[in-house]
Amino acid sequence: MNKHLMNRLHELIVPRSDMSKPVLFITNDDGIDAPGIQALIRELNIQGFPLFVLAPSTEQSATGMRISVRKKLKISNRQDIAEKLQSDVNVPLKMYSLDGSPCDCVIAALDGGIKMLEPELMPTICISGVNQGPNVSVDIMHSGTVSAARESALYGLPSIAVSLATYEHSNFEYSVNGAIKILKSCLNFLPRVPSDFLRKNGSRLPISLESDPESIRKNFTLGNIFLNLNAPTKWNGKFSTVSLGSRWYRNAIKSHNLDDGSMAFEVGAAEIIEEEIPDSDCFSVSSGEYAISPISSWPVNHPLGVTREVLVAATNSDENGLPFWLS
C-alpha cells in the first residue's frame, strides 16, 4: 500500500481534530445526565466549539460552594454520552463525571484535571448550566450552578452561569441559543489563554475600578466579575441587563413526627414572594425577558473585589439589552 493511500485511509478512520474555535469548559449542578447540560453540549458541538465537560455524576442542586475536603472523588469517562450528543466528530468533545459537587468539578478540572486528562483542551471560558429552574436574587447564594461559575472565576477563568428560570417545561432551545449569543460576544475580546489562570499573580495584579467598557471587560477577563443568565418561561425575544432583584422564601420548613417519637424538619419553600422592582432579574424574567446580571466574584472588601459603582456600570445595556461592554 503506497504512502498516499495509507494517509487517506488514516484520515477516514481517525477524524481530524478541529481546534479552530476556543475550547470551552462545561459543568453544571443538575448532573451530567441532565437534559439542560446535554442540550447545551449538543448545540455547542454543532457550532464547532471544542469542549471539555466535567459535571457531577448525580444532581447537586442548591449545594452552593460546598467542596468535598479530603475525600476520594471517583472520576468516570462518559464518552457514552458524548457519542450520542456529538454530531461533528471532528470537533473534540470529551466528557467526564465526578462524584462530587459543582465546585469540586471546577477545582478538579482547573487545578490539574484537564492537564492530566485532556491537555489539549485547556479552556478559554467556563459555562455552567443549563440549569432547570430560576437562579435569581438570593438564589445565587445557594445555587450550585452559579457557584460553579463563581469558582471558575476565582481561578481566573472567565465564566457564565445559565438557567432556564422555570419548572413548567424543559425546552432548553432558547435558553441555549441566548447563552451562545452572549458567549460569542465575550469571545470577541477574550484571549485564548486566560490572562491570570490559577491566579498566579495573587492579588498583585491591579484591579480596575473604572467604569468604561475596556475596564469592565478586563475585570470579566480576569474573572473578577462573571455573568448570571436566566431565560424566562416563554421568551419574548428581548434581552435585559439587570441587577439582582428581591425574592423572599416564607414558610420554608415542614415538620414531621418520626416513628421513634422524634421530630424532623424538611426544608423546601412553600411560598416565594418577589418584589416588583423594575430593572431587576426577577422583574425581567417575569416580563418574559432573558435576564443578564453581572456578579462580583469576590466580596467587596477583598483585594480583588469590584465596587458597587463598577457593578452598576457593568449593568448598563446597549440598544439590544445586552451589557454595553460586550458591544
Protein backbone atom coordinates (compact mmCIF):
# COMPACT_ATOMS: atom_id res chain seq x y z
CA MET A 1 0.00 0.00 0.00
CA ASN A 2 1.51 3.35 -1.02
CA LYS A 3 2.02 6.22 1.43
CA HIS A 4 -0.71 8.42 -0.06
CA LEU A 5 -3.31 5.66 0.25
CA MET A 6 -2.25 4.92 3.82
CA ASN A 7 -2.61 8.61 4.78
CA ARG A 8 -6.03 8.75 3.14
CA LEU A 9 -7.15 5.62 4.99
CA HIS A 10 -5.90 7.13 8.28
CA GLU A 11 -7.94 10.30 7.62
CA LEU A 12 -11.07 8.23 7.07
CA ILE A 13 -10.58 6.15 10.21
CA VAL A 14 -9.27 8.84 12.59
CA PRO A 15 -11.25 12.12 12.47
CA ARG A 16 -9.14 15.25 12.27
CA SER A 17 -9.28 17.45 15.33
CA ASP A 18 -10.87 20.84 14.61
CA MET A 19 -9.48 23.31 17.17
CA SER A 20 -10.22 26.46 15.18
CA LYS A 21 -12.54 27.81 17.88
CA PRO A 22 -11.79 28.42 21.57
CA VAL A 23 -12.13 25.49 23.96
CA LEU A 24 -15.00 25.71 26.45
CA PHE A 25 -15.22 24.10 29.89
CA ILE A 26 -18.75 22.91 30.67
CA THR A 27 -20.16 21.94 34.07
CA ASN A 28 -23.45 22.18 35.96
CA ASP A 29 -25.24 21.21 39.18
CA ASP A 30 -28.10 19.12 37.77
CA GLY A 31 -25.66 16.34 36.89
CA ILE A 32 -24.12 15.07 33.68
CA ASP A 33 -27.28 13.19 32.66
CA ALA A 34 -29.49 16.30 32.91
CA PRO A 35 -31.20 17.47 29.70
CA GLY A 36 -30.06 21.09 30.17
CA ILE A 37 -26.34 20.44 30.00
CA GLN A 38 -26.82 17.95 27.18
CA ALA A 39 -28.83 20.45 25.11
CA LEU A 40 -26.00 22.97 25.59
CA ILE A 41 -23.30 20.46 24.65
CA ARG A 42 -25.18 19.30 21.56
CA GLU A 43 -25.56 22.83 20.17
CA LEU A 44 -22.01 23.90 21.02
CA ASN A 45 -20.67 20.86 19.17
CA ILE A 46 -22.81 21.72 16.14
CA GLN A 47 -21.32 25.22 16.20
CA GLY A 48 -17.79 23.87 16.25
CA PHE A 49 -16.62 24.52 19.82
CA PRO A 50 -14.18 22.01 21.34
CA LEU A 51 -15.50 21.01 24.77
CA PHE A 52 -14.14 19.61 27.99
CA VAL A 53 -17.01 18.56 30.26
CA LEU A 54 -16.70 17.67 33.93
CA ALA A 55 -20.02 17.60 35.75
CA PRO A 56 -21.39 15.94 38.89
CA SER A 57 -22.35 12.31 38.47
CA THR A 58 -25.64 12.99 40.29
CA GLU A 59 -27.85 16.03 40.88
CA GLN A 60 -26.23 18.57 43.20
CA SER A 61 -28.79 21.39 43.21
CA ALA A 62 -28.59 24.01 45.98
CA THR A 63 -25.19 22.82 47.14
CA GLY A 64 -23.75 26.33 46.94
CA MET A 65 -19.95 26.37 47.13
CA ARG A 66 -19.65 23.11 49.04
CA ILE A 67 -16.41 21.24 48.46
CA SER A 68 -15.60 17.68 49.48
CA VAL A 69 -12.47 18.06 51.57
CA ARG A 70 -10.16 15.03 51.91
CA LYS A 71 -12.50 12.68 50.05
CA LYS A 72 -11.57 10.49 47.11
CA LEU A 73 -13.95 11.55 44.36
CA LYS A 74 -14.32 8.99 41.58
CA ILE A 75 -14.00 10.30 38.05
CA SER A 76 -15.69 8.45 35.21
CA ASN A 77 -15.19 8.76 31.47
CA ARG A 78 -18.62 9.43 29.90
CA GLN A 79 -17.86 9.18 26.20
CA ASP A 80 -21.00 7.05 26.01
CA ILE A 81 -22.97 10.28 26.42
CA ALA A 82 -20.60 12.23 24.17
CA GLU A 83 -21.15 9.81 21.29
CA LYS A 84 -24.91 10.44 21.47
CA LEU A 85 -24.53 14.24 21.54
CA GLN A 86 -21.68 14.68 19.05
CA SER A 87 -22.85 15.41 15.51
CA ASP A 88 -19.46 16.68 14.28
CA VAL A 89 -16.84 14.07 15.15
CA ASN A 90 -14.07 16.42 14.02
CA VAL A 91 -14.79 18.78 16.91
CA PRO A 92 -13.34 17.44 20.18
CA LEU A 93 -15.90 16.56 22.86
CA LYS A 94 -14.56 14.91 25.99
CA MET A 95 -16.98 14.18 28.83
CA TYR A 96 -16.32 13.09 32.41
CA SER A 97 -18.34 12.94 35.61
CA LEU A 98 -17.16 13.34 39.20
CA ASP A 99 -18.70 12.03 42.41
CA GLY A 100 -18.72 15.49 43.94
CA SER A 101 -20.25 18.95 43.99
CA PRO A 102 -20.20 21.52 41.19
CA CYS A 103 -17.31 23.34 42.87
CA ASP A 104 -15.47 20.03 43.26
CA CYS A 105 -15.79 19.63 39.49
CA VAL A 106 -14.40 23.09 38.79
CA ILE A 107 -11.48 22.71 41.20
CA ALA A 108 -10.67 19.22 39.92
CA ALA A 109 -10.78 20.35 36.30
CA LEU A 110 -8.87 23.62 36.58
CA ASP A 111 -6.32 22.71 39.23
CA GLY A 112 -4.79 19.88 37.21
CA GLY A 113 -7.57 17.58 36.00
CA ILE A 114 -7.77 18.90 32.44
CA LYS A 115 -3.98 18.86 32.14
CA MET A 116 -3.92 15.21 33.19
CA LEU A 117 -6.96 14.00 31.24
CA GLU A 118 -7.13 16.13 28.09
CA PRO A 119 -4.16 18.53 28.00
CA GLU A 120 -5.01 19.80 24.52
CA LEU A 121 -8.37 21.10 25.80
CA MET A 122 -7.30 23.95 28.08
CA PRO A 123 -10.32 26.30 28.12
CA THR A 124 -10.88 29.96 27.33
CA ILE A 125 -14.13 30.26 29.33
CA CYS A 126 -16.47 28.22 31.55
CA ILE A 127 -20.21 27.79 31.08
CA SER A 128 -22.17 26.35 33.98
CA GLY A 129 -25.63 25.02 33.08
CA VAL A 130 -28.13 24.99 31.61
CA ASN A 131 -29.85 24.69 34.99
CA GLN A 132 -33.52 23.75 35.31
CA GLY A 133 -35.19 26.39 37.48
CA PRO A 134 -34.53 30.03 38.35
CA ASN A 135 -31.30 31.36 39.81
CA VAL A 136 -32.32 34.93 40.53
CA SER A 137 -31.93 37.22 43.53
CA VAL A 138 -30.93 35.34 46.69
CA ASP A 139 -30.93 32.05 44.77
CA ILE A 140 -27.39 32.79 43.63
CA MET A 141 -26.18 32.31 47.22
CA HIS A 142 -27.33 28.68 47.25
CA SER A 143 -27.16 27.69 43.60
CA GLY A 144 -24.63 25.07 42.59
CA THR A 145 -24.85 26.35 39.02
CA VAL A 146 -23.89 29.90 39.96
CA SER A 147 -21.33 28.68 42.50
CA ALA A 148 -19.55 26.65 39.83
CA ALA A 149 -19.32 29.75 37.64
CA ARG A 150 -18.05 31.77 40.59
CA GLU A 151 -15.47 29.09 41.47
CA SER A 152 -14.21 29.16 37.91
CA ALA A 153 -13.90 32.94 38.07
CA LEU A 154 -11.99 32.70 41.35
CA TYR A 155 -9.47 30.52 39.50
CA GLY A 156 -9.09 33.21 36.86
CA LEU A 157 -11.19 31.55 34.15
CA PRO A 158 -13.98 33.82 32.82
CA SER A 159 -17.38 32.29 33.37
CA ILE A 160 -21.11 32.35 32.66
CA ALA A 161 -23.93 30.67 34.60
CA VAL A 162 -27.09 29.79 32.65
CA SER A 163 -30.54 28.83 33.92
CA LEU A 164 -33.96 28.20 32.43
CA ALA A 165 -36.00 30.00 35.08
CA THR A 166 -38.98 27.67 35.11
CA TYR A 167 -40.07 24.16 36.02
CA GLU A 168 -43.09 24.35 33.70
CA HIS A 169 -41.21 22.86 30.75
CA SER A 170 -37.79 21.56 29.76
CA ASN A 171 -37.42 23.13 26.33
CA PHE A 172 -33.87 24.46 26.54
CA GLU A 173 -33.60 25.67 22.95
CA TYR A 174 -33.90 29.41 23.50
CA SER A 175 -32.00 29.38 26.80
CA VAL A 176 -29.11 27.68 24.96
CA ASN A 177 -29.29 29.97 21.92
CA GLY A 178 -29.40 33.09 24.08
CA ALA A 179 -26.41 31.91 26.09
CA ILE A 180 -24.41 31.19 22.94
CA LYS A 181 -25.14 34.67 21.62
CA ILE A 182 -23.71 36.16 24.80
CA LEU A 183 -20.81 33.68 24.77
CA LYS A 184 -19.81 34.78 21.27
CA SER A 185 -19.83 38.42 22.33
CA CYS A 186 -17.46 37.52 25.17
CA LEU A 187 -15.17 35.55 22.87
CA ASN A 188 -14.74 38.65 20.69
CA PHE A 189 -12.35 40.08 23.28
CA LEU A 190 -11.23 37.17 25.47
CA PRO A 191 -7.71 35.83 24.94
CA ARG A 192 -7.49 32.13 24.08
CA VAL A 193 -5.30 31.63 27.15
CA PRO A 194 -6.82 33.19 30.31
CA SER A 195 -4.88 36.25 31.46
CA ASP A 196 -4.35 35.14 35.06
CA PHE A 197 -5.25 31.47 35.12
CA LEU A 198 -4.88 29.87 38.58
CA ARG A 199 -4.31 33.39 39.98
CA LYS A 200 -0.54 33.06 39.85
CA ASN A 201 -0.31 36.82 40.38
CA GLY A 202 -2.33 36.57 43.59
CA SER A 203 -3.80 39.98 44.39
CA ARG A 204 -0.77 41.78 42.98
CA LEU A 205 -2.38 42.33 39.58
CA PRO A 206 -4.05 45.75 39.91
CA ILE A 207 -7.85 45.64 39.74
CA SER A 208 -9.56 48.24 37.59
CA LEU A 209 -12.16 50.33 39.42
CA GLU A 210 -13.07 52.37 36.35
CA SER A 211 -16.46 52.13 34.67
CA ASP A 212 -15.52 52.35 30.99
CA PRO A 213 -16.10 49.33 28.69
CA GLU A 214 -12.42 48.38 28.48
CA SER A 215 -12.04 48.29 32.26
CA ILE A 216 -15.18 46.19 32.73
CA ARG A 217 -14.06 43.78 30.01
CA LYS A 218 -10.74 43.47 31.82
CA ASN A 219 -12.49 42.56 35.08
CA PHE A 220 -14.54 39.93 33.26
CA THR A 221 -11.43 38.62 31.50
CA LEU A 222 -9.61 38.26 34.82
CA GLY A 223 -12.61 36.61 36.49
CA ASN A 224 -13.34 39.45 38.90
CA ILE A 225 -16.90 39.56 37.60
CA PHE A 226 -18.97 36.86 35.90
CA LEU A 227 -22.37 36.72 34.23
CA ASN A 228 -25.54 35.07 35.53
CA LEU A 229 -28.18 34.38 32.86
CA ASN A 230 -31.84 33.48 33.37
CA ALA A 231 -34.12 32.61 30.48
CA PRO A 232 -37.87 33.06 31.18
CA THR A 233 -40.68 30.53 30.86
CA LYS A 234 -41.65 31.99 27.49
CA TRP A 235 -39.12 34.30 25.86
CA ASN A 236 -40.35 37.45 24.13
CA GLY A 237 -37.07 37.72 22.24
CA LYS A 238 -35.67 40.57 24.33
CA PHE A 239 -32.53 40.65 26.47
CA SER A 240 -32.19 42.80 29.58
CA THR A 241 -29.06 43.54 31.57
CA VAL A 242 -30.20 43.99 35.14
CA SER A 243 -29.24 43.92 38.80
CA LEU A 244 -30.38 41.26 41.24
CA GLY A 245 -33.95 41.50 42.44
CA SER A 246 -35.54 40.89 45.82
CA ARG A 247 -37.01 37.46 46.48
CA TRP A 248 -38.19 36.03 49.81
CA TYR A 249 -38.87 32.46 50.87
CA ARG A 250 -41.61 32.05 53.50
CA ASN A 251 -42.79 29.00 55.44
CA ALA A 252 -39.69 27.19 54.24
CA ILE A 253 -39.88 24.17 56.54
CA LYS A 254 -42.23 21.29 57.17
CA SER A 255 -42.15 19.33 60.40
CA HIS A 256 -42.52 15.57 60.59
CA ASN A 257 -43.11 13.28 63.55
CA LEU A 258 -40.89 10.22 63.22
CA ASP A 259 -41.72 6.70 64.33
CA ASP A 260 -39.26 6.90 67.21
CA GLY A 261 -41.07 9.91 68.65
CA SER A 262 -38.54 12.49 67.48
CA MET A 263 -39.19 15.37 65.10
CA ALA A 264 -37.63 16.11 61.71
CA PHE A 265 -37.60 19.29 59.64
CA GLU A 266 -37.81 19.29 55.84
CA VAL A 267 -36.52 22.42 54.07
CA GLY A 268 -38.43 23.45 50.95
CA ALA A 269 -40.04 26.78 50.16
CA ALA A 270 -43.81 26.70 50.44
CA GLU A 271 -44.22 30.33 49.33
CA ILE A 272 -42.00 32.62 47.23
CA ILE A 273 -42.55 36.36 47.32
CA GLU A 274 -40.89 38.59 44.73
CA GLU A 275 -40.85 42.36 45.00
CA GLU A 276 -41.72 44.10 41.75
CA ILE A 277 -38.52 46.07 41.23
CA PRO A 278 -38.01 47.30 37.66
CA ASP A 279 -34.60 46.59 36.10
CA SER A 280 -34.09 43.54 38.30
CA ASP A 281 -33.62 39.91 37.28
CA CYS A 282 -36.88 38.80 38.93
CA PHE A 283 -38.88 41.52 37.17
CA SER A 284 -37.28 40.90 33.77
CA VAL A 285 -37.81 37.13 33.87
CA SER A 286 -41.44 37.66 34.93
CA SER A 287 -41.81 40.01 31.96
CA GLY A 288 -40.59 37.36 29.52
CA GLU A 289 -37.10 38.83 29.06
CA TYR A 290 -33.78 36.99 29.04
CA ALA A 291 -32.06 38.43 32.12
CA ILE A 292 -28.30 39.04 32.26
CA SER A 293 -26.76 40.01 35.62
CA PRO A 294 -23.08 40.88 36.16
CA ILE A 295 -21.99 39.46 39.53
CA SER A 296 -18.92 40.23 41.62
CA SER A 297 -16.78 37.12 42.07
CA TRP A 298 -15.20 38.39 45.29
CA PRO A 299 -16.61 40.14 48.38
CA VAL A 300 -16.29 43.90 48.03
CA ASN A 301 -13.74 44.05 50.86
CA HIS A 302 -11.44 41.51 49.18
CA PRO A 303 -8.37 42.98 47.42
CA LEU A 304 -9.86 41.87 44.08
CA GLY A 305 -13.45 42.85 44.89
CA VAL A 306 -15.05 45.31 42.49
CA THR A 307 -17.04 48.23 43.83
CA ARG A 308 -20.78 48.74 43.60
CA GLU A 309 -20.09 51.57 41.15
CA VAL A 310 -18.33 49.15 38.80
CA LEU A 311 -21.23 46.66 39.01
CA VAL A 312 -23.78 49.39 38.37
CA ALA A 313 -21.79 50.47 35.31
CA ALA A 314 -21.46 46.83 34.16
CA THR A 315 -25.26 46.57 34.27
CA ASN A 316 -25.77 49.34 31.70
CA SER A 317 -27.10 47.93 28.45
CA ASP A 318 -26.93 48.69 24.76
CA GLU A 319 -29.91 49.12 22.45
CA ASN A 320 -30.35 45.34 22.29
CA GLY A 321 -30.48 44.88 26.06
CA LEU A 322 -27.02 43.27 26.20
CA PRO A 323 -24.28 44.59 28.51
CA PHE A 324 -22.89 47.69 26.78
CA TRP A 325 -19.32 46.49 27.33
CA LEU A 326 -19.97 43.41 25.18
CA SER A 327 -20.80 45.56 22.16
